[in-house]
Amino acid sequence: MARIYASDTKRIVTAFVEGINAYVELTRRGPDLLPFEFGLLDYEPALWTPEMVVRIRSHGLLWNASQEAARARFVRNHGLAALRFREILSPPHEVSVPDGLDLAAIPDGVLDVYYRARGGVRFAHGCLGRISPIPCLHCSRKATGHGRTSGPAARGGSGATVNSTAYSLDDFVQRYGASFRMLLDVGNWDDSVAMNTPGQSGDPSSTHDRDLFEAWARDQSIPLLYSRERVEAETERRILLRSAARRPVPMVEPKTP
């Protein structure tokens, strides 16, 4: 562990583990300090070792693993000299290919199983139980079953910008970012603004189901109204929900001019 990480890593990790174990020992003298799940499952927490921290940490290296694999493929295809045009390393240092590593032997899908293990579970119509990595959706309402998407649209931003986003180093396609944003004016709530992509309505048949996507892509906003007067002034229609036991009535009531 000390050879791979910084020189003070062993000291830091050991102190961290000692703190955890001190609390574990405390719970053995006072079981009431344990979360209720331990009692329900009838087991006690074990003592930690520094090696456990390293193993746990290794399962969280998703971003680093993606970067290293993408860098290896880039060097394989374009050579080390071209790497300086692809990224700026911080702190600056020279990248080299380890002795004995054949970059040509690294398949493009070297992390496919890793992504599949860490990806979300999506249940598509007719294939329940299929597990797949989270796809790159520009903006989707597929959860409704209608499969309608918006986009694509060109957007800037990264993890180091105000509007934090993230993209793949393989194709520079944006993978995720803030789909809902709001800025609240606590002095005048009606001056608050917000954005929700692809639209405010959850009804795929509504004109407002996907009409905010372009504005979202341009980092614009819409009024986030609060007072009854302002809300009623902007109301286009009202949806009335009635009990099934009553006589059916039209669900949509036009706004009175």
Foldseek 3Di string as FASTA:
>chain_A
DCVVDPVCVVVVLQVVLVVVQVVLVVCVVPVVPDDCVCVVVVHGDDRDDSVVVVVVVVLVCVVVVLVVLLLLVCCLVPNQVCVVVQDADVPDDRDDDDPPDDSVPQDPCNCQVVQQVPADADQAPPRGPDTHHDDQACAFLCVVVPTDGDDDDDADEDCPDPQHWHARSNPRRTRDTDQKDKDADPVARQQIKMHHPQFDDNDPVDPRNRNRSVVVRVVHIGTDGDDPVVCLVPDQWAADDDDPVDDDDDRIDGDDD
